Amino acid sequence: MEQWTFGRVGTILLALLCVAHSSIAHAAKAVSAETGAAETTRAFGVAPPTASELPGVSPDALPSAPATPPPLASPTAGPPTPASPAPSAVPDAVPATEDAAPEPVSRKWIQHTVVPGERLDDIAIRYDVSRPELIRWNKSLQGKAYIYAGRKLRIYARALPPPRQKISYRVQRGDTWSGIASKFGVRESDVRFWNQKKVKSLRAGGELLIFTNPLQPPAPPESPQEPTPVFHARAGGMSIGLPNHGRLYAGVQLAKSDLYSIRNPDEAWGSTHTVDVLVNSIIKFRETSGYRGKLEIRAMSKERGGYFKPHRSHQSGRDIDIRLPLLPSAVERQQTDADIDWAASWELIKAFAGSGEVEYIFLAYPQQRRLYAAAQTAGASNGELKTLIQFPRRPGSNHGLVRHAEGHTIHIHVRVRCSKTNDRCETY
């Protein structure tokens, strides 16, 4: 009996233990679910759905929450970091900074004529380009060890220095080979090479052939704080009749100025309109070219106009003879076109053309070739060349502002248009 009793009691105790264990497990699940819901509500402000709110889902099928929820940010750690916005289809503009890449340097296609002794590396340095770029732009250079003088090269230049020019330099007392080379930006070996056939030693008064090499453009004048005022000559000066058969009424005499020199003041008279165009064009030339050399006004008209030797025109106050700008090496003697600064001359032509008040500019046809080459080197467009220079069309053609006239080799003859308010002025 005792044995049955103890066995029976053991069975009952075992059953009670199983029931208790099952109840504890269900209670733990309930506590975990409640804890997870509370933490979710604290973190997001939204209570999770209950089992009854999920249609067709048994409560026992729901996954249990982890025994230990992940730690939340401490409230003392500062305000919560806002969520990053979704990436936009169009990126925001990057604000400019001091380290931002500079804008590309403006470039221009130019034509360079190779001078004797010049190397590809010299040309590359001159125009701030690379040797491979020179070869790529000029296919004829591929595989060539040398380049020959006179060859034309197309270059997409980053720098635009004044063109190299062939000049004749008169040796001064105390000159040395290295000093002369330094003066014109070339190598001493080049100066000797250019003159090896005719000059063995330097002697004062001797002539040397030089190909100048200015690497930097002339420094422009300091920008004025205010716009340069327009010059106005005394009113009343009128051109009457034709340039070669006319006279000047109440002529205006060209005043002395640091901008130019006057060879003969008695022959420096013009109409009010002519003097206005002349002075304002020279002001423009000085500002844009940076040329600091002498610019001589050789002849205009007499005080009352009319004929005077050796001119057939210059009778009505509309004609101006101007000696072209000279190179620094030019000395006061009988100059030739080799002494002319053709780069500055091109700027002078453009200044007069820009006034819109010039009818013609006369320059001998052979010298137009030099002007044309300087304009090409300066990057003039084909349209600009056709509009302003008669060359390479025949001398007698009716093309270009610059026209052929015999004897105009180191000076230009500028003819100003009739003033719009002067009905007594005549033109051809």
Foldseek 3Di string as FASTA:
>chain_A
DVVVVVVVVVVVVVVVVVVVVVVVVVVLQVVQVVVVQVVVCVVPVDGDDDPVVDPPDDNVPDDGHDPDDDDDDDPVPDDDDDDDDDDDPDDDDDDDDPPDDDDDQQWFKFKAFAAPPDDLVNVCLLQVHDSVQQCVQPVVCPPDPDDDGGDIGIDRGSAQAAHWAKAKFFDAPPDDLCNVCVVQVHDSVVQCVQCVVPDDDDDGGDIGIDGGRGSHAADADDDDPDPDDQDFFDADWAFFEEQLDTKIDQWTFQDDDQLAAEPDSQFRTAGRVQSSLVVQLSVQLCRPRVDNDHKYWYGAAGRTFDDDPPDSGSRGRFKTKIFADFDPSDDPDDDFLSGHSLLSNLSSLVSSVVVVFWQAKEAAPVQLVVNLSSCSSSRHDPVRCFAAGCPPPDQPDPTHRYHYDPPRGRIMMIGTHHDPVDPRYDYD
